[in-house]
Amino acid sequence: MSERSARLDLPPGQEPAAPALFQPWQSEPYVPPNPEPDENIRHSLFGEILDWMLAPLLLLWPMSIAITYLVAKSIANQPFDDALEDRVTVLSQQIRTVAGQPVVQLPGSARDVLRADDVDSVYFQISDPAGQHIDGDRDLPRPRDGDLEERGRSGAVLFRNDSIHGAPVRVAYSYVNLDPLRERGAVPGLALVQVAETLDKRAHLANEIIKGVILPQFIILPVILALVWFALSRGLSPLAELQQRIRARPQDDLSPIDPRQVPEEISPLVGSFNDMLERLAQTVEMQKRFIADAAHQMKTPLAGMRMQSELALRQVDPDEIHRSLEQLAKSSESATRLVNQLLALARAENQPHAGLAFEELDLVQLARATVQDWVQASFAHGIDLGYESPNGPPDDLLIAGNALMLRELLSNLIDNALRYTPRGGSVTVRVRRDGAHALLEVEDTGPGIAPAERAHVFERFYRILGTNVQGSGLGLAIVREIAQQHGAEIDIFNNPRSHSPKFPGSLFRLTFPPPVHEPDDAD
């Protein structure tokens, strides 16, 4: 334990400042809230689900039509391609070689049957290996030159899309080997047989298939939308029922919601809501208890003030009136102190909900300034009030906290020590370091606190029996609340420097955690 290093003596001619048990918070000007951004605006869950279901459905519907159209064209092409293939095969069988020249033996009736079509125009062409026209339509374009291996597959029917006279046509063609006995490896003589037709029947059949597939979808789609709407309404009905049950509750009913009566998907939400209800019930109960205790504690000073005022009104002697007014002033001071401490306790308890702003501050400067505020009160009590600074540099003892709340904490500890220390005693405020932790100690030479009482002195309105000191029993409750908010541990010991059995004194020690520094971006 270090020796006392500083005693707060004021310079000559300067009066000590009046002590302040309660320092009011500065009111800030009202600032209207910013408008909510678009992403924070409420959205309908029903509408969100409906959008995510219908948007893909409406997007996939045109894709389905396009795919159906392609499939319909493929289906429509197949039977007509088969017919073209048969015509090419029949024409290939009519080619003969006479005197080394290809000849087509096709009667007139066969030509009429080949071109017989009520819808499409049919064209055919037969040419020799040299590309010379033998029979059919001269305007039908020849296929593009392919590799010899593909052209050498005698009898294979191939298909291509082409045009004639500006009209698109489907062409089936085949190469016919005129000399199948030619030696292997030699280039065979290949005659070209082509049959083409326009695409009117194919387009008509494809359109009929599309109509047969798409038209029912125009009927089914509204039915699907209605079913989706109905399914969503039924699926979200438990939420509406839960809303009705919550609205039907009495205003003071904070009992938890039965999770067995809600769907499994919203059970976590109901569980979180029940946790909030539990915390709210605890807060309401704490407020009720606080109001009841405050009303009970205010009865005594208010009754004393009323009695003293009535007594002063009945007195005639000026001296008696003066004494009654003095008692009235003391009762008023006691009531004011009680109200200030009640407000300080309520504010300290509500700080976690309001968001306490912490900053890095010097505990040495804060303790020194607070002790200076209590010098005049120590003179009035006839008590030696001292301050001991740490051995290290004063600016090295930094903590994270709220300066105004910590001054309130230390003021209550000093006030409590001054009230319980007899005249002629001493009260010492000490700031020191213990490893990485900062310690704040308030030491007095009063009657001390028995170990059995130390667990109860931080409760509201708790007073140790046998003490004749006036007080409300709220000072240490305020100290505990502020210490908990700052993560500080508070302990009570006997004063190790007091050797009087009658006045063992008390030592209140607060241990603050080291401040957490943000990592440096440059590291």
Protein backbone atom coordinates (compact mmCIF):
# COMPACT_ATOMS: atom_id res chain seq x y z
CA MET A 1 0.00 0.00 0.00
CA SER A 2 1.60 3.27 -1.10
CA GLU A 3 1.79 6.28 1.16
CA ARG A 4 -0.54 9.21 0.55
CA SER A 5 1.05 11.28 -2.19
CA ALA A 6 -1.37 14.17 -2.61
CA ARG A 7 -3.75 16.09 -0.37
CA LEU A 8 -6.28 18.30 -2.14
CA ASP A 9 -5.72 21.69 -0.51
CA LEU A 10 -7.22 24.62 -2.33
CA PRO A 11 -5.18 27.79 -3.02
CA PRO A 12 -5.79 30.80 -0.74
CA GLY A 13 -8.81 32.86 -1.58
CA GLN A 14 -10.49 30.12 -3.58
CA GLU A 15 -13.64 28.59 -2.16
CA PRO A 16 -14.22 24.88 -2.76
CA ALA A 17 -16.95 24.00 -5.14
CA ALA A 18 -20.22 22.75 -3.76
CA PRO A 19 -20.59 18.96 -3.91
CA ALA A 20 -23.01 17.53 -6.40
CA LEU A 21 -24.71 14.28 -5.56
CA PHE A 22 -26.48 14.28 -8.87
CA GLN A 23 -25.44 15.98 -12.06
CA PRO A 24 -28.30 16.32 -14.53
CA TRP A 25 -27.82 15.09 -18.05
CA GLN A 26 -27.63 17.78 -20.71
CA SER A 27 -30.69 17.72 -22.91
CA GLU A 28 -29.93 17.51 -26.61
CA PRO A 29 -31.99 19.32 -29.27
CA TYR A 30 -34.55 17.19 -31.03
CA VAL A 31 -33.36 15.88 -34.36
CA PRO A 32 -36.05 14.41 -36.63
CA PRO A 33 -35.31 10.86 -37.70
CA ASN A 34 -34.08 10.23 -41.19
CA PRO A 35 -36.57 8.75 -43.62
CA GLU A 36 -36.38 5.02 -43.86
CA PRO A 37 -34.49 3.72 -46.90
CA ASP A 38 -36.39 1.67 -49.41
CA GLU A 39 -34.86 -1.60 -48.20
CA ASN A 40 -36.33 -1.03 -44.71
CA ILE A 41 -39.92 -0.54 -45.90
CA ARG A 42 -42.24 -3.37 -44.92
CA HIS A 43 -43.07 -5.93 -47.55
CA SER A 44 -45.88 -8.45 -47.63
CA LEU A 45 -44.73 -12.02 -47.04
CA PHE A 46 -47.66 -13.23 -49.12
CA GLY A 47 -46.68 -10.90 -51.96
CA GLU A 48 -43.01 -11.87 -51.75
CA ILE A 49 -43.78 -15.59 -52.02
CA LEU A 50 -46.30 -14.95 -54.80
CA ASP A 51 -43.77 -12.89 -56.74
CA TRP A 52 -41.05 -15.52 -56.43
CA MET A 53 -43.47 -18.21 -57.61
CA LEU A 54 -45.21 -16.36 -60.43
CA ALA A 55 -42.21 -14.52 -61.86
CA PRO A 56 -40.35 -17.73 -62.81
CA LEU A 57 -43.63 -19.23 -64.02
CA LEU A 58 -44.34 -16.29 -66.32
CA LEU A 59 -40.72 -16.30 -67.47
CA LEU A 60 -40.71 -20.01 -68.25
CA TRP A 61 -44.04 -19.89 -70.09
CA PRO A 62 -42.68 -18.16 -73.26
CA MET A 63 -39.65 -20.44 -73.12
CA SER A 64 -42.03 -23.40 -73.00
CA ILE A 65 -43.87 -22.06 -76.06
CA ALA A 66 -40.60 -21.69 -77.98
CA ILE A 67 -39.43 -25.19 -77.06
CA THR A 68 -42.87 -26.60 -77.93
CA TYR A 69 -42.72 -24.89 -81.33
CA LEU A 70 -39.32 -26.44 -82.08
CA VAL A 71 -40.50 -29.87 -81.00
CA ALA A 72 -43.67 -29.46 -83.08
CA LYS A 73 -41.63 -28.60 -86.15
CA SER A 74 -39.47 -31.66 -85.60
CA ILE A 75 -42.55 -33.85 -85.20
CA ALA A 76 -44.19 -32.32 -88.28
CA ASN A 77 -41.05 -32.81 -90.40
CA GLN A 78 -40.66 -36.50 -89.70
CA PRO A 79 -43.62 -37.97 -91.64
CA PHE A 80 -43.06 -35.66 -94.60
CA ASP A 81 -39.36 -36.52 -94.63
CA ASP A 82 -40.28 -40.18 -94.71
CA ALA A 83 -42.54 -39.54 -97.73
CA LEU A 84 -39.75 -37.66 -99.51
CA GLU A 85 -37.37 -40.49 -98.75
CA ASP A 86 -39.79 -42.99 -100.35
CA ARG A 87 -40.07 -40.85 -103.47
CA VAL A 88 -36.30 -40.61 -103.79
CA THR A 89 -36.01 -44.38 -103.38
CA VAL A 90 -38.65 -45.02 -106.08
CA LEU A 91 -36.95 -42.62 -108.49
CA SER A 92 -33.54 -44.22 -107.80
CA GLN A 93 -34.98 -47.59 -108.79
CA GLN A 94 -36.10 -46.20 -112.15
CA ILE A 95 -32.57 -45.31 -113.35
CA ARG A 96 -30.98 -47.71 -115.87
CA THR A 97 -27.75 -47.72 -117.82
CA VAL A 98 -28.16 -48.08 -121.57
CA ALA A 99 -25.07 -48.07 -123.75
CA GLY A 100 -23.09 -46.58 -120.88
CA GLN A 101 -25.55 -43.70 -120.39
CA PRO A 102 -28.07 -43.34 -117.53
CA VAL A 103 -31.72 -43.45 -118.61
CA VAL A 104 -34.87 -42.87 -116.53
CA GLN A 105 -37.75 -45.17 -117.24
CA LEU A 106 -40.56 -43.12 -115.69
CA PRO A 107 -44.04 -43.27 -117.26
CA GLY A 108 -46.30 -40.25 -117.41
CA SER A 109 -48.72 -41.55 -114.82
CA ALA A 110 -45.85 -41.99 -112.37
CA ARG A 111 -44.83 -38.39 -112.98
CA ASP A 112 -48.36 -37.22 -112.22
CA VAL A 113 -48.44 -39.24 -109.00
CA LEU A 114 -45.03 -37.85 -108.02
CA ARG A 115 -46.19 -34.27 -108.38
CA ALA A 116 -49.71 -34.84 -107.02
CA ASP A 117 -50.11 -32.53 -103.98
CA ASP A 118 -52.99 -30.18 -103.17
CA VAL A 119 -50.96 -27.94 -100.86
CA ASP A 120 -47.24 -28.00 -101.63
CA SER A 121 -45.32 -27.78 -104.87
CA VAL A 122 -43.18 -30.87 -105.56
CA TYR A 123 -39.99 -30.78 -107.61
CA PHE A 124 -37.64 -33.57 -108.70
CA GLN A 125 -34.40 -33.75 -110.58
CA ILE A 126 -32.15 -36.52 -111.91
CA SER A 127 -28.61 -35.77 -113.17
CA ASP A 128 -25.75 -37.96 -114.37
CA PRO A 129 -22.32 -38.23 -112.71
CA ALA A 130 -21.08 -35.34 -114.80
CA GLY A 131 -23.88 -33.10 -113.48
CA GLN A 132 -25.80 -33.10 -116.76
CA HIS A 133 -29.56 -32.89 -116.46
CA ILE A 134 -31.38 -36.12 -117.26
CA ASP A 135 -34.95 -35.54 -116.10
CA GLY A 136 -37.09 -33.31 -113.88
CA ASP A 137 -36.78 -29.65 -112.92
CA ARG A 138 -33.64 -27.91 -114.07
CA ASP A 139 -34.00 -25.06 -111.52
CA LEU A 140 -33.66 -27.31 -108.49
CA PRO A 141 -30.25 -26.43 -106.97
CA ARG A 142 -27.65 -29.13 -106.54
CA PRO A 143 -26.32 -29.99 -103.06
CA ARG A 144 -23.05 -28.52 -101.91
CA ASP A 145 -20.01 -30.63 -102.62
CA GLY A 146 -19.46 -33.09 -99.80
CA ASP A 147 -16.62 -35.52 -99.22
CA LEU A 148 -16.36 -38.54 -101.51
CA GLU A 149 -16.92 -40.99 -98.66
CA GLU A 150 -20.36 -39.52 -97.90
CA ARG A 151 -21.26 -39.31 -101.60
CA GLY A 152 -20.09 -42.88 -102.13
CA ARG A 153 -22.71 -44.35 -99.82
CA SER A 154 -24.97 -45.61 -102.57
CA GLY A 155 -28.64 -45.64 -101.64
CA ALA A 156 -28.33 -43.38 -98.54
CA VAL A 157 -31.00 -40.64 -98.56
CA LEU A 158 -29.88 -37.27 -97.22
CA PHE A 159 -31.88 -34.13 -96.38
CA ARG A 160 -31.21 -30.44 -96.56
CA ASN A 161 -33.09 -27.13 -96.51
CA ASP A 162 -32.85 -25.02 -99.62
CA SER A 163 -34.92 -22.66 -101.76
CA ILE A 164 -36.27 -22.55 -105.29
CA HIS A 165 -37.77 -19.51 -106.99
CA GLY A 166 -37.41 -17.72 -103.64
CA ALA A 167 -39.55 -20.23 -101.76
CA PRO A 168 -38.05 -22.41 -98.99
CA VAL A 169 -38.14 -26.14 -99.73
CA ARG A 170 -37.17 -29.37 -98.04
CA VAL A 171 -34.93 -31.48 -100.29
CA ALA A 172 -34.26 -35.23 -100.08
CA TYR A 173 -31.43 -36.48 -102.32
CA SER A 174 -29.42 -39.61 -102.93
CA TYR A 175 -26.45 -40.70 -105.06
CA VAL A 176 -27.06 -43.84 -107.18
CA ASN A 177 -24.14 -46.03 -108.19
CA LEU A 178 -24.53 -46.71 -111.92
CA ASP A 179 -21.79 -49.34 -112.06
CA PRO A 180 -21.85 -51.45 -108.86
CA LEU A 181 -19.33 -53.94 -110.40
CA ARG A 182 -16.58 -51.36 -110.66
CA GLU A 183 -13.40 -52.36 -108.82
CA ARG A 184 -12.96 -51.31 -105.21
CA GLY A 185 -10.95 -48.15 -104.87
CA ALA A 186 -12.03 -46.73 -108.20
CA VAL A 187 -14.24 -43.66 -108.30
CA PRO A 188 -17.79 -44.86 -108.99
CA GLY A 189 -20.22 -43.20 -111.31
CA LEU A 190 -22.87 -41.57 -109.17
CA ALA A 191 -26.12 -40.22 -110.47
CA LEU A 192 -27.93 -37.61 -108.32
CA VAL A 193 -31.65 -38.02 -107.53
CA GLN A 194 -33.43 -35.13 -105.73
CA VAL A 195 -37.03 -34.59 -104.65
CA ALA A 196 -38.10 -31.29 -103.04
CA GLU A 197 -41.35 -29.86 -101.76
CA THR A 198 -42.41 -26.58 -100.23
CA LEU A 199 -43.14 -26.31 -96.48
CA ASP A 200 -46.82 -25.38 -96.37
CA LYS A 201 -48.09 -28.73 -95.05
CA ARG A 202 -45.29 -28.86 -92.51
CA ALA A 203 -46.04 -25.34 -91.23
CA HIS A 204 -49.75 -26.14 -91.08
CA LEU A 205 -49.15 -29.33 -89.09
CA ALA A 206 -46.70 -27.58 -86.76
CA ASN A 207 -49.25 -24.82 -86.13
CA GLU A 208 -51.94 -27.37 -85.38
CA ILE A 209 -49.66 -29.07 -82.87
CA ILE A 210 -48.83 -25.72 -81.28
CA LYS A 211 -52.51 -24.87 -81.01
CA GLY A 212 -53.26 -28.22 -79.46
CA VAL A 213 -50.54 -27.72 -76.85
CA ILE A 214 -50.64 -23.96 -76.20
CA LEU A 215 -54.38 -23.32 -76.11
CA PRO A 216 -54.93 -25.63 -73.11
CA GLN A 217 -52.13 -23.75 -71.33
CA PHE A 218 -54.14 -20.52 -71.57
CA ILE A 219 -56.86 -22.30 -69.64
CA ILE A 220 -54.53 -24.10 -67.24
CA LEU A 221 -52.42 -21.03 -66.38
CA PRO A 222 -55.24 -19.07 -64.66
CA VAL A 223 -56.19 -22.25 -62.82
CA ILE A 224 -52.59 -22.64 -61.67
CA LEU A 225 -52.54 -19.01 -60.48
CA ALA A 226 -55.78 -19.52 -58.57
CA LEU A 227 -54.44 -22.71 -56.98
CA VAL A 228 -51.19 -20.97 -56.00
CA TRP A 229 -53.15 -18.10 -54.47
CA PHE A 230 -55.37 -20.50 -52.57
CA ALA A 231 -52.39 -22.61 -51.40
CA LEU A 232 -50.53 -19.54 -50.14
CA SER A 233 -53.61 -18.28 -48.34
CA ARG A 234 -54.06 -21.65 -46.65
CA GLY A 235 -50.37 -21.98 -45.88
CA LEU A 236 -50.14 -18.52 -44.27
CA SER A 237 -53.41 -18.84 -42.34
CA PRO A 238 -51.56 -19.99 -39.15
CA LEU A 239 -49.79 -16.61 -39.13
CA ALA A 240 -53.15 -14.82 -39.25
CA GLU A 241 -54.47 -17.04 -36.45
CA LEU A 242 -51.36 -16.30 -34.36
CA GLN A 243 -51.89 -12.60 -34.98
CA GLN A 244 -55.50 -12.85 -33.81
CA ARG A 245 -54.48 -14.72 -30.66
CA ILE A 246 -51.87 -12.10 -29.81
CA ARG A 247 -54.30 -9.23 -30.41
CA ALA A 248 -56.96 -10.92 -28.27
CA ARG A 249 -54.63 -10.99 -25.26
CA PRO A 250 -55.16 -8.59 -22.34
CA GLN A 251 -52.75 -5.69 -22.17
CA ASP A 252 -51.01 -7.04 -19.07
CA ASP A 253 -50.67 -10.61 -20.35
CA LEU A 254 -46.96 -11.25 -20.98
CA SER A 255 -47.14 -15.03 -20.73
CA PRO A 256 -45.22 -16.98 -23.43
CA ILE A 257 -46.94 -18.26 -26.56
CA ASP A 258 -47.42 -22.02 -26.74
CA PRO A 259 -45.00 -23.15 -29.52
CA ARG A 260 -47.06 -26.30 -30.08
CA GLN A 261 -49.86 -24.23 -31.62
CA VAL A 262 -47.73 -22.75 -34.40
CA PRO A 263 -46.16 -24.32 -37.53
CA GLU A 264 -42.70 -25.75 -37.23
CA GLU A 265 -41.23 -23.15 -39.61
CA ILE A 266 -42.09 -20.21 -37.33
CA SER A 267 -41.27 -21.97 -34.04
CA PRO A 268 -37.85 -20.23 -33.86
CA LEU A 269 -39.59 -16.88 -34.33
CA VAL A 270 -42.09 -17.69 -31.58
CA GLY A 271 -39.21 -18.80 -29.34
CA SER A 272 -37.43 -15.49 -29.85
CA PHE A 273 -40.68 -13.64 -29.22
CA ASN A 274 -41.17 -15.57 -25.97
CA ASP A 275 -37.65 -14.62 -24.88
CA MET A 276 -38.48 -10.98 -25.56
CA LEU A 277 -41.72 -11.32 -23.56
CA GLU A 278 -39.77 -12.77 -20.66
CA ARG A 279 -37.30 -9.89 -20.69
CA LEU A 280 -40.16 -7.42 -20.98
CA ALA A 281 -41.93 -9.03 -18.03
CA GLN A 282 -38.76 -8.73 -15.97
CA THR A 283 -38.41 -5.08 -16.95
CA VAL A 284 -42.03 -4.32 -16.07
CA GLU A 285 -41.67 -6.14 -12.76
CA MET A 286 -38.50 -4.20 -12.00
CA GLN A 287 -40.24 -0.91 -12.81
CA LYS A 288 -43.19 -1.82 -10.61
CA ARG A 289 -40.88 -2.71 -7.74
CA PHE A 290 -38.95 0.50 -8.27
CA ILE A 291 -42.10 2.63 -8.20
CA ALA A 292 -43.37 0.84 -5.10
CA ASP A 293 -40.04 1.28 -3.29
CA ALA A 294 -39.78 4.92 -4.35
CA ALA A 295 -43.32 5.66 -3.16
CA HIS A 296 -42.60 3.94 0.16
CA GLN A 297 -39.33 5.82 0.68
CA MET A 298 -40.87 9.19 -0.22
CA LYS A 299 -43.53 8.89 2.47
CA THR A 300 -41.16 9.60 5.34
CA PRO A 301 -39.57 12.87 4.14
CA LEU A 302 -42.86 14.17 2.77
CA ALA A 303 -44.65 13.40 6.03
CA GLY A 304 -41.82 15.14 7.95
CA MET A 305 -42.05 18.21 5.76
CA ARG A 306 -45.81 18.39 6.21
CA MET A 307 -45.52 18.01 9.99
CA GLN A 308 -42.82 20.69 10.25
CA SER A 309 -44.80 23.09 8.09
CA GLU A 310 -47.95 22.59 10.18
CA LEU A 311 -45.90 23.04 13.35
CA ALA A 312 -44.39 26.27 12.02
CA LEU A 313 -47.86 27.60 11.21
CA ARG A 314 -49.01 27.01 14.80
CA GLN A 315 -45.94 28.64 16.40
CA VAL A 316 -45.92 32.23 17.55
CA ASP A 317 -42.41 32.46 18.97
CA PRO A 318 -39.96 33.48 16.20
CA ASP A 319 -37.28 31.14 17.60
CA GLU A 320 -39.61 28.14 17.41
CA ILE A 321 -40.67 29.11 13.89
CA HIS A 322 -37.01 29.32 12.93
CA ARG A 323 -36.27 25.86 14.33
CA SER A 324 -39.28 24.42 12.49
CA LEU A 325 -38.11 26.00 9.26
CA GLU A 326 -34.63 24.53 9.79
CA GLN A 327 -36.15 21.09 10.21
CA LEU A 328 -38.27 21.71 7.14
CA ALA A 329 -35.15 22.63 5.15
CA LYS A 330 -33.39 19.44 6.30
CA SER A 331 -36.39 17.34 5.31
CA SER A 332 -36.48 19.09 1.94
CA GLU A 333 -32.78 18.41 1.43
CA SER A 334 -33.28 14.74 2.32
CA ALA A 335 -36.22 14.44 -0.08
CA THR A 336 -34.24 16.16 -2.86
CA ARG A 337 -31.30 13.80 -2.35
CA LEU A 338 -33.63 10.79 -2.41
CA VAL A 339 -35.29 11.93 -5.64
CA ASN A 340 -31.91 12.59 -7.27
CA GLN A 341 -30.66 9.15 -6.31
CA LEU A 342 -33.85 7.51 -7.57
CA LEU A 343 -33.43 9.26 -10.90
CA ALA A 344 -29.74 8.33 -11.05
CA LEU A 345 -30.55 4.67 -10.32
CA ALA A 346 -33.31 4.58 -12.95
CA ARG A 347 -30.98 6.13 -15.52
CA ALA A 348 -28.15 3.74 -14.64
CA GLU A 349 -30.44 0.72 -15.01
CA ASN A 350 -31.78 1.90 -18.37
CA GLN A 351 -28.41 2.77 -19.89
CA PRO A 352 -27.84 -0.68 -21.44
CA HIS A 353 -31.12 -0.29 -23.34
CA ALA A 354 -30.33 3.27 -24.40
CA GLY A 355 -26.83 2.40 -25.61
CA LEU A 356 -24.08 3.68 -23.29
CA ALA A 357 -21.32 5.43 -25.24
CA PHE A 358 -17.83 4.42 -24.03
CA GLU A 359 -14.65 6.28 -24.77
CA GLU A 360 -11.06 6.00 -23.65
CA LEU A 361 -10.51 8.21 -20.61
CA ASP A 362 -7.90 8.80 -17.92
CA LEU A 363 -9.03 7.36 -14.59
CA VAL A 364 -6.51 9.51 -12.71
CA GLN A 365 -7.89 12.82 -13.98
CA LEU A 366 -11.49 11.66 -13.46
CA ALA A 367 -10.85 10.62 -9.84
CA ARG A 368 -8.92 13.81 -9.05
CA ALA A 369 -11.69 16.05 -10.44
CA THR A 370 -14.40 14.13 -8.56
CA VAL A 371 -12.54 14.32 -5.24
CA GLN A 372 -12.22 18.10 -5.67
CA ASP A 373 -16.02 18.36 -5.84
CA TRP A 374 -16.28 16.79 -2.35
CA VAL A 375 -13.67 18.89 -0.53
CA GLN A 376 -16.26 21.30 0.90
CA ALA A 377 -18.47 18.44 2.10
CA SER A 378 -15.47 16.85 3.85
CA PHE A 379 -14.82 20.15 5.65
CA ALA A 380 -18.46 20.23 6.82
CA HIS A 381 -18.14 16.66 8.20
CA GLY A 382 -14.75 17.37 9.78
CA ILE A 383 -13.14 14.54 7.81
CA ASP A 384 -9.74 14.46 6.10
CA LEU A 385 -10.44 13.73 2.41
CA GLY A 386 -7.35 12.69 0.45
CA TYR A 387 -6.33 11.43 -2.94
CA GLU A 388 -3.45 9.11 -3.84
CA SER A 389 -2.21 8.93 -7.42
CA PRO A 390 -0.45 5.92 -8.95
CA ASN A 391 3.30 5.57 -8.94
CA GLY A 392 3.54 5.46 -12.74
CA PRO A 393 2.82 8.29 -15.16
CA PRO A 394 -0.76 9.56 -14.67
CA ASP A 395 -1.64 9.46 -18.36
CA ASP A 396 -0.79 5.76 -18.51
CA LEU A 397 -3.88 4.59 -16.56
CA LEU A 398 -6.55 4.51 -19.26
CA ILE A 399 -9.91 2.73 -19.19
CA ALA A 400 -12.93 2.54 -21.50
CA GLY A 401 -16.04 4.07 -19.99
CA ASN A 402 -18.52 6.90 -19.71
CA ALA A 403 -17.05 9.79 -17.76
CA LEU A 404 -20.36 11.14 -16.44
CA MET A 405 -21.49 7.75 -15.13
CA LEU A 406 -18.12 7.01 -13.52
CA ARG A 407 -18.19 10.38 -11.73
CA GLU A 408 -21.62 9.42 -10.42
CA LEU A 409 -20.21 6.10 -9.19
CA LEU A 410 -17.26 7.66 -7.39
CA SER A 411 -19.44 10.44 -5.93
CA ASN A 412 -21.73 7.89 -4.33
CA LEU A 413 -18.77 5.99 -2.85
CA ILE A 414 -17.30 9.19 -1.41
CA ASP A 415 -20.67 10.33 -0.08
CA ASN A 416 -21.22 6.95 1.56
CA ALA A 417 -17.74 7.05 3.15
CA LEU A 418 -18.21 10.61 4.47
CA ARG A 419 -21.56 9.76 6.03
CA TYR A 420 -20.33 6.70 7.90
CA THR A 421 -16.91 7.98 8.94
CA PRO A 422 -16.94 9.72 12.35
CA ARG A 423 -15.68 13.29 12.70
CA GLY A 424 -11.92 13.43 12.77
CA GLY A 425 -11.56 10.35 10.57
CA SER A 426 -10.19 10.14 7.07
CA VAL A 427 -11.37 9.09 3.62
CA THR A 428 -8.86 8.27 0.90
CA VAL A 429 -9.51 7.86 -2.83
CA ARG A 430 -6.77 5.87 -4.52
CA VAL A 431 -6.04 5.04 -8.15
CA ARG A 432 -3.41 2.42 -8.96
CA ARG A 433 -2.47 -0.31 -11.38
CA ASP A 434 -2.54 -4.07 -10.87
CA GLY A 435 -0.98 -5.67 -13.93
CA ALA A 436 -3.17 -4.82 -16.94
CA HIS A 437 -6.10 -3.73 -14.74
CA ALA A 438 -6.85 -0.31 -13.31
CA LEU A 439 -7.98 -0.15 -9.66
CA LEU A 440 -10.14 2.51 -8.03
CA GLU A 441 -10.30 2.35 -4.23
CA VAL A 442 -12.23 4.35 -1.64
CA GLU A 443 -10.97 3.81 1.89
CA ASP A 444 -12.52 5.14 5.11
CA THR A 445 -12.06 4.82 8.87
CA GLY A 446 -15.70 4.22 9.71
CA PRO A 447 -17.40 1.31 11.50
CA GLY A 448 -16.81 -1.04 8.57
CA ILE A 449 -19.14 -3.60 7.05
CA ALA A 450 -19.48 -7.10 8.49
CA PRO A 451 -18.75 -9.92 5.98
CA ALA A 452 -22.32 -11.19 6.32
CA GLU A 453 -23.68 -7.78 5.29
CA ARG A 454 -21.42 -7.21 2.26
CA ALA A 455 -23.63 -9.25 -0.07
CA HIS A 456 -26.70 -7.11 0.79
CA VAL A 457 -25.41 -3.54 0.94
CA PHE A 458 -25.74 -3.20 -2.86
CA GLU A 459 -29.48 -3.94 -2.75
CA ARG A 460 -31.95 -1.10 -3.06
CA PHE A 461 -33.02 0.62 0.14
CA TYR A 462 -31.00 -1.82 2.24
CA ARG A 463 -29.74 -0.28 5.49
CA ILE A 464 -27.53 -2.00 8.06
CA LEU A 465 -29.31 -2.21 11.39
CA GLY A 466 -27.82 -0.22 14.24
CA THR A 467 -26.52 2.69 12.15
CA ASN A 468 -27.92 6.11 12.96
CA VAL A 469 -26.72 7.67 9.72
CA GLN A 470 -29.39 9.23 7.55
CA GLY A 471 -29.54 7.83 4.03
CA SER A 472 -31.78 6.28 1.42
CA GLY A 473 -29.94 3.01 0.81
CA LEU A 474 -29.61 3.75 -2.92
CA GLY A 475 -26.01 4.95 -3.25
CA LEU A 476 -24.37 1.53 -3.38
CA ALA A 477 -27.13 0.21 -5.66
CA ILE A 478 -26.18 2.96 -8.13
CA VAL A 479 -22.52 2.00 -7.76
CA ARG A 480 -23.27 -1.65 -8.57
CA GLU A 481 -25.32 -0.80 -11.69
CA ILE A 482 -22.65 1.50 -13.14
CA ALA A 483 -19.86 -0.95 -12.32
CA GLN A 484 -21.68 -3.79 -14.09
CA GLN A 485 -22.16 -1.67 -17.19
CA HIS A 486 -18.41 -1.00 -17.32
CA GLY A 487 -17.49 -4.65 -16.75
CA ALA A 488 -15.83 -3.74 -13.44
CA GLU A 489 -15.69 -6.00 -10.39
CA ILE A 490 -16.42 -4.45 -7.00
CA ASP A 491 -15.16 -5.89 -3.71
CA ILE A 492 -15.44 -4.82 -0.06
CA PHE A 493 -12.65 -5.32 2.50
CA ASN A 494 -11.76 -4.00 5.92
CA ASN A 495 -9.40 -1.04 5.88
CA PRO A 496 -5.92 -2.59 6.22
CA ARG A 497 -4.52 0.68 7.61
CA SER A 498 -7.10 1.01 10.39
CA HIS A 499 -6.02 -0.46 13.75
CA SER A 500 -9.07 0.51 15.82
CA PRO A 501 -11.26 -2.46 16.83
CA LYS A 502 -14.28 -0.15 17.06
CA PHE A 503 -13.71 1.45 13.65
CA PRO A 504 -12.14 -1.15 11.35
CA GLY A 505 -13.07 0.94 8.35
CA SER A 506 -14.01 -0.21 4.83
CA LEU A 507 -12.19 -0.48 1.53
CA PHE A 508 -14.28 -0.47 -1.68
CA ARG A 509 -12.18 -1.65 -4.63
CA LEU A 510 -13.28 -1.52 -8.27
CA THR A 511 -11.23 -3.48 -10.83
CA PHE A 512 -11.64 -2.21 -14.40
CA PRO A 513 -10.77 -4.32 -17.45
CA PRO A 514 -8.10 -2.93 -19.79
CA PRO A 515 -9.42 -0.96 -22.78
CA VAL A 516 -9.71 -2.87 -26.04
CA HIS A 517 -7.76 -1.14 -28.80
CA GLU A 518 -8.80 -1.38 -32.43
CA PRO A 519 -6.18 -3.12 -34.62
CA ASP A 520 -4.01 -0.74 -36.59
CA ASP A 521 -4.62 -0.90 -40.35
CA ALA A 522 -0.93 -0.37 -41.01
CA ASP A 523 0.06 -3.54 -39.13
